Amino acid sequence: MSASRTPGFSRLKKNHKKLSLAGVAAIGAVAVAFSAVPSNASPAKTVEPQAVAAVAPVAWGGKQAAGTLQLGINDQLTTIELKAKADAAAAKAQAAAAAKAKAAAAAKAKAQAEAAAKKRAAAKAAASRAAARKPVYANNLDGWIREALDIMKKHNIPGTYEGIHRNIMRESSGNPNAINNWDINAINGVPSIGLLQVIKPTFDAYHIPGTKKSQWDPVANIVAACNYAADRYGSMDNVNSAY
């Protein structure tokens, strides 16, 4: 029997058209094996198309595994790229936040500095206005009496220019450095001092805060003496002799 008349070969030829080009190598291998079979072989030994079909996937499996590997590599590369982009975006956002915080801190510091400068300027202006409103007193008897009268007015101590001037002229002739070293007070160690001849215990008891704490200071001397006279006589205006 010739090979062309073998029933198995005939069936293989019919199924050959159904195979893809990828299975040609496998079919060739089966054909070689079939040609080695004797021509008088039993039909039961014929290679069936199912056997060929079973071999075909071998050729497909290699390409499929390679494709799967390539997909895995592509997935990894995609993951790396996405992570790099995410890290870059995070770094950019962090840098932007740091820059924003720095700008905010600088703006706050600038605002605080400007507020402090405005506050100093306002305080300076207020001090200038206060200095402008503050009376300037002459450094003489007239100025001392007038300054003393303004202080007395703030502390509700009675007295007039005339009453103060009159008593000063009698007690010291207007000399703020006058001192009595011969009367009983001097003998007792507390001489009368200043424009209105006040002794130390009286000065200390009737001294007004805001004035110098010295009997020799003309303004402090007048105010303390007038405070004492107000307590003892009602006003320095009522004093016409030693008091």
Protein backbone atom coordinates (compact mmCIF):
# COMPACT_ATOMS: atom_id res chain seq x y z
CA MET A 1 0.00 0.00 0.00
CA SER A 2 1.42 3.45 -0.87
CA ALA A 3 1.66 6.29 1.62
CA SER A 4 -0.86 8.36 -0.31
CA ARG A 5 -3.50 5.74 0.23
CA THR A 6 -2.98 5.35 3.97
CA PRO A 7 -6.26 6.30 5.71
CA GLY A 8 -4.47 8.04 8.65
CA PHE A 9 -2.48 10.22 6.29
CA SER A 10 -5.66 11.18 4.46
CA ARG A 11 -7.33 12.32 7.67
CA LEU A 12 -4.18 14.20 8.74
CA LYS A 13 -4.20 16.02 5.41
CA LYS A 14 -7.80 17.13 5.94
CA ASN A 15 -7.06 18.50 9.46
CA HIS A 16 -3.84 20.18 8.37
CA LYS A 17 -5.85 23.10 6.95
CA LYS A 18 -7.26 23.81 10.42
CA LEU A 19 -3.88 24.33 12.06
CA SER A 20 -2.27 27.79 12.40
CA LEU A 21 1.13 28.61 11.02
CA ALA A 22 2.48 28.46 14.57
CA GLY A 23 1.90 24.68 14.64
CA VAL A 24 3.77 23.82 11.41
CA ALA A 25 6.88 22.68 13.26
CA ALA A 26 4.91 20.30 15.45
CA ILE A 27 3.05 18.78 12.44
CA GLY A 28 6.33 18.23 10.63
CA ALA A 29 7.64 16.26 13.58
CA VAL A 30 4.52 14.05 13.53
CA ALA A 31 4.85 13.56 9.76
CA VAL A 32 8.44 12.31 10.20
CA ALA A 33 7.32 9.88 12.85
CA PHE A 34 4.49 8.66 10.62
CA SER A 35 6.81 8.04 7.65
CA ALA A 36 8.84 5.65 9.77
CA VAL A 37 5.81 3.37 10.26
CA PRO A 38 5.74 0.32 7.83
CA SER A 39 3.23 0.50 5.02
CA ASN A 40 1.50 -2.61 6.20
CA ALA A 41 0.91 -1.14 9.69
CA SER A 42 -2.42 -1.68 11.23
CA PRO A 43 -4.91 1.20 11.05
CA ALA A 44 -4.97 1.11 14.86
CA LYS A 45 -1.38 2.45 14.85
CA THR A 46 -2.26 5.48 12.72
CA VAL A 47 -1.53 8.90 14.31
CA GLU A 48 -4.79 10.68 14.86
CA PRO A 49 -5.29 14.40 14.41
CA GLN A 50 -5.93 14.63 18.16
CA ALA A 51 -2.29 13.75 18.75
CA VAL A 52 -1.19 16.56 16.50
CA ALA A 53 -3.51 18.94 18.27
CA ALA A 54 -2.02 17.90 21.59
CA VAL A 55 1.46 18.81 20.41
CA ALA A 56 0.54 22.21 18.99
CA PRO A 57 0.15 24.01 22.34
CA VAL A 58 3.82 23.33 23.07
CA ALA A 59 4.82 25.86 20.44
CA TRP A 60 2.22 28.35 21.74
CA GLY A 61 3.32 27.92 25.39
CA GLY A 62 6.79 29.42 24.80
CA LYS A 63 5.45 32.58 23.20
CA GLN A 64 2.76 32.92 25.85
CA ALA A 65 5.29 32.64 28.68
CA ALA A 66 7.49 35.23 26.99
CA GLY A 67 4.51 37.52 26.59
CA THR A 68 3.58 37.09 30.24
CA LEU A 69 7.17 37.87 31.30
CA GLN A 70 7.19 40.96 29.13
CA LEU A 71 3.89 42.11 30.64
CA GLY A 72 5.35 41.60 34.13
CA ILE A 73 8.40 43.69 33.25
CA ASN A 74 6.18 46.39 31.75
CA ASP A 75 4.04 46.40 34.90
CA GLN A 76 7.14 46.80 37.07
CA LEU A 77 8.44 49.63 34.93
CA THR A 78 5.05 51.31 35.05
CA THR A 79 4.98 50.97 38.86
CA ILE A 80 8.49 52.44 39.15
CA GLU A 81 7.58 55.34 36.89
CA LEU A 82 4.39 56.02 38.83
CA LYS A 83 6.25 55.93 42.13
CA ALA A 84 8.92 58.27 40.79
CA LYS A 85 6.24 60.68 39.61
CA ALA A 86 4.44 60.43 42.95
CA ASP A 87 7.69 61.08 44.85
CA ALA A 88 8.48 64.05 42.62
CA ALA A 89 4.99 65.46 43.14
CA ALA A 90 5.28 64.98 46.90
CA ALA A 91 8.68 66.69 46.99
CA LYS A 92 7.32 69.56 44.92
CA ALA A 93 4.30 69.94 47.23
CA GLN A 94 6.56 69.84 50.29
CA ALA A 95 8.84 72.51 48.81
CA ALA A 96 5.82 74.65 47.94
CA ALA A 97 4.45 74.28 51.49
CA ALA A 98 7.85 75.19 52.99
CA ALA A 99 8.09 78.25 50.74
CA LYS A 100 4.55 79.27 51.69
CA ALA A 101 5.30 78.87 55.40
CA LYS A 102 8.51 80.89 55.03
CA ALA A 103 6.65 83.65 53.19
CA ALA A 104 3.94 83.68 55.87
CA ALA A 105 6.55 83.91 58.65
CA ALA A 106 8.31 86.75 56.85
CA ALA A 107 5.02 88.58 56.35
CA LYS A 108 4.14 88.13 60.03
CA ALA A 109 7.55 89.40 61.15
CA LYS A 110 7.22 92.38 58.85
CA ALA A 111 3.74 93.16 60.17
CA GLN A 112 4.98 92.91 63.77
CA ALA A 113 7.93 95.18 63.02
CA GLU A 114 5.65 97.71 61.35
CA ALA A 115 3.22 97.58 64.29
CA ALA A 116 6.08 98.08 66.76
CA ALA A 117 7.40 101.00 64.71
CA LYS A 118 3.93 102.58 64.63
CA LYS A 119 3.60 102.09 68.39
CA ARG A 120 6.96 103.76 69.02
CA ALA A 121 6.06 106.60 66.71
CA ALA A 122 2.71 107.07 68.47
CA ALA A 123 4.39 107.06 71.89
CA LYS A 124 6.96 109.57 70.71
CA ALA A 125 4.25 111.80 69.28
CA ALA A 126 2.25 111.58 72.52
CA ALA A 127 5.35 112.46 74.54
CA SER A 128 6.00 115.42 72.26
CA ARG A 129 2.42 116.63 72.68
CA ALA A 130 2.65 116.20 76.45
CA ALA A 131 5.93 118.10 76.50
CA ALA A 132 4.37 120.83 74.41
CA ARG A 133 1.44 121.11 76.83
CA LYS A 134 3.66 121.09 79.91
CA PRO A 135 4.25 124.63 81.16
CA VAL A 136 7.79 125.90 81.21
CA TYR A 137 8.58 127.67 84.48
CA ALA A 138 11.28 130.24 84.95
CA ASN A 139 14.07 129.25 87.31
CA ASN A 140 13.42 132.12 89.69
CA LEU A 141 11.09 133.00 92.55
CA ASP A 142 8.18 133.77 90.24
CA GLY A 143 8.61 130.48 88.37
CA TRP A 144 8.94 128.47 91.61
CA ILE A 145 5.74 129.92 93.05
CA ARG A 146 3.77 129.33 89.85
CA GLU A 147 4.97 125.73 89.55
CA ALA A 148 4.15 125.12 93.22
CA LEU A 149 0.64 126.54 92.72
CA ASP A 150 0.00 124.12 89.80
CA ILE A 151 1.09 121.16 91.93
CA MET A 152 -0.99 122.38 94.86
CA LYS A 153 -4.05 122.65 92.61
CA LYS A 154 -3.70 118.97 91.60
CA HIS A 155 -3.60 117.98 95.28
CA ASN A 156 -6.34 120.36 96.45
CA ILE A 157 -3.96 122.40 98.62
CA PRO A 158 -5.27 125.96 99.05
CA GLY A 159 -3.12 129.06 98.62
CA THR A 160 -2.59 132.06 96.36
CA TYR A 161 0.36 133.66 94.70
CA GLU A 162 0.10 136.70 96.95
CA GLY A 163 -0.08 134.69 100.19
CA ILE A 164 2.88 132.49 99.25
CA HIS A 165 5.02 135.39 98.01
CA ARG A 166 4.34 137.45 101.13
CA ASN A 167 5.39 134.69 103.52
CA ILE A 168 8.49 133.81 101.45
CA MET A 169 9.74 137.38 101.59
CA ARG A 170 9.28 137.48 105.37
CA GLU A 171 10.93 134.07 106.01
CA SER A 172 13.87 134.02 103.56
CA SER A 173 13.74 137.11 101.35
CA GLY A 174 13.37 134.73 98.40
CA ASN A 175 16.66 132.86 99.03
CA PRO A 176 16.18 129.07 98.56
CA ASN A 177 19.47 128.43 100.39
CA ALA A 178 18.48 130.33 103.54
CA ILE A 179 19.00 128.48 106.84
CA ASN A 180 18.30 129.41 110.48
CA ASN A 181 21.15 128.32 112.72
CA TRP A 182 20.21 130.22 115.94
CA ASP A 183 16.59 129.44 116.93
CA ILE A 184 15.31 126.57 119.07
CA ASN A 185 14.95 124.30 116.06
CA ALA A 186 18.61 124.77 115.20
CA ILE A 187 19.52 124.08 118.85
CA ASN A 188 17.50 120.85 118.61
CA GLY A 189 19.39 119.86 115.45
CA VAL A 190 16.61 120.50 112.94
CA PRO A 191 17.25 123.98 111.55
CA SER A 192 14.68 125.76 109.39
CA ILE A 193 15.67 125.61 105.72
CA GLY A 194 14.61 127.08 102.38
CA LEU A 195 12.16 129.65 101.03
CA LEU A 196 9.53 129.08 103.71
CA GLN A 197 11.95 127.92 106.45
CA VAL A 198 10.63 124.38 106.96
CA ILE A 199 12.24 121.99 109.45
CA LYS A 200 13.04 118.42 108.41
CA PRO A 201 10.29 116.61 110.38
CA THR A 202 7.61 118.97 109.00
CA PHE A 203 8.94 118.67 105.47
CA ASP A 204 8.95 114.85 105.63
CA ALA A 205 5.44 114.71 107.07
CA TYR A 206 3.90 117.08 104.47
CA HIS A 207 6.04 116.31 101.43
CA ILE A 208 4.02 115.83 98.22
CA PRO A 209 4.97 112.96 95.90
CA GLY A 210 6.15 114.18 92.52
CA THR A 211 8.33 116.87 94.03
CA LYS A 212 11.96 116.42 95.05
CA LYS A 213 12.44 115.06 98.53
CA SER A 214 14.78 117.88 99.61
CA GLN A 215 14.17 120.90 101.78
CA TRP A 216 16.59 122.81 99.61
CA ASP A 217 14.47 122.39 96.46
CA PRO A 218 12.41 125.62 96.14
CA VAL A 219 9.27 124.04 94.67
CA ALA A 220 9.23 121.07 97.07
CA ASN A 221 9.81 123.49 99.97
CA ILE A 222 6.88 125.74 99.00
CA VAL A 223 4.45 122.85 98.42
CA ALA A 224 5.30 121.05 101.70
CA ALA A 225 5.07 124.34 103.67
CA CYS A 226 1.70 125.21 102.08
CA ASN A 227 0.41 121.70 102.79
CA TYR A 228 1.38 122.11 106.44
CA ALA A 229 -0.13 125.62 106.62
CA ALA A 230 -3.39 124.33 105.11
CA ASP A 231 -3.55 121.62 107.77
CA ARG A 232 -2.64 123.99 110.61
CA TYR A 233 -4.15 127.35 109.54
CA GLY A 234 -6.48 126.55 106.65
CA SER A 235 -4.18 128.16 104.03
CA MET A 236 -0.81 129.83 103.66
CA ASP A 237 -2.82 132.98 102.98
CA ASN A 238 -3.80 133.00 106.68
CA VAL A 239 -0.19 133.01 107.88
CA ASN A 240 1.26 136.44 108.73
CA SER A 241 4.09 135.59 111.10
CA ALA A 242 6.25 132.71 112.20
CA TYR A 243 4.31 129.54 111.91
